[in-house]
Protein backbone atom coordinates (compact mmCIF):
# COMPACT_ATOMS: atom_id res chain seq x y z
CA MET A 1 22.15 38.48 -123.33
CA GLN A 2 18.95 36.41 -123.32
CA GLN A 3 17.13 39.17 -125.21
CA ALA A 4 19.88 39.15 -127.86
CA ARG A 5 19.49 35.37 -128.22
CA ASN A 6 15.74 35.70 -128.51
CA LEU A 7 16.09 38.33 -131.23
CA ALA A 8 18.53 36.18 -133.16
CA THR A 9 16.11 33.25 -132.94
CA ASP A 10 13.14 35.33 -134.00
CA LEU A 11 14.98 36.69 -137.00
CA GLY A 12 16.02 33.22 -138.10
CA THR A 13 17.19 33.15 -141.73
CA ARG A 14 16.78 36.93 -142.06
CA MET A 15 19.71 37.27 -139.67
CA GLU A 16 22.05 36.20 -142.49
CA SER A 17 21.19 39.31 -144.54
CA LEU A 18 22.14 41.70 -141.69
CA ARG A 19 25.74 42.97 -141.66
CA PHE A 20 25.80 45.60 -138.91
CA LEU A 21 24.34 46.23 -135.46
CA LEU A 22 24.28 49.89 -134.51
CA ARG A 23 23.95 50.50 -130.80
CA ASP A 24 24.75 53.07 -128.18
CA ARG A 25 27.40 52.78 -125.50
CA ASP A 26 25.09 51.96 -122.57
CA GLY A 27 26.60 49.76 -119.86
CA LYS A 28 23.75 47.23 -120.17
CA TYR A 29 25.29 46.02 -123.43
CA ASP A 30 28.25 43.94 -122.24
CA GLN A 31 30.63 41.70 -124.20
CA SER A 32 28.32 38.74 -123.98
CA PHE A 33 25.56 40.76 -125.70
CA ASP A 34 27.94 41.61 -128.54
CA ALA A 35 29.18 38.00 -128.72
CA VAL A 36 25.72 36.77 -129.75
CA PHE A 37 25.75 39.00 -132.80
CA GLN A 38 29.44 38.53 -133.59
CA SER A 39 28.89 34.77 -133.73
CA GLU A 40 26.45 35.51 -136.56
CA GLU A 41 29.29 37.45 -138.28
CA MET A 42 27.75 40.84 -137.69
CA GLU A 43 29.91 43.92 -137.11
CA ILE A 44 29.02 45.90 -133.96
CA LEU A 45 29.04 49.66 -134.52
CA LYS A 46 28.83 51.87 -131.48
CA SER A 47 27.49 55.43 -131.54
CA ALA A 48 29.86 58.31 -130.88
CA PRO A 49 30.44 59.00 -127.21
CA GLN A 50 28.35 61.86 -125.76
CA ALA A 51 26.62 62.57 -129.10
CA ARG A 52 23.16 63.48 -127.85
CA ARG A 53 21.54 63.90 -131.26
CA MET A 54 23.13 60.93 -132.96
CA ASN A 55 20.29 58.54 -132.03
CA ALA A 56 17.75 60.74 -133.81
CA HIS A 57 19.85 60.69 -137.00
CA CYS A 58 20.33 56.90 -136.80
CA GLU A 59 16.60 56.25 -136.43
CA ARG A 60 15.82 58.18 -139.57
């Protein structure tokens, strides 16, 4: 959660232009991590479960 706060602080005013956060379904991203970005009115999009190649497509 602290890393999410640090990122939000570093982005500053650029955070307002972001609408989505695309992330995987790893257990290290709990609800408090998502809450940091949802408080900035960002929509959290999770990758499809067990889609091994999806990350490669998202990074392109």
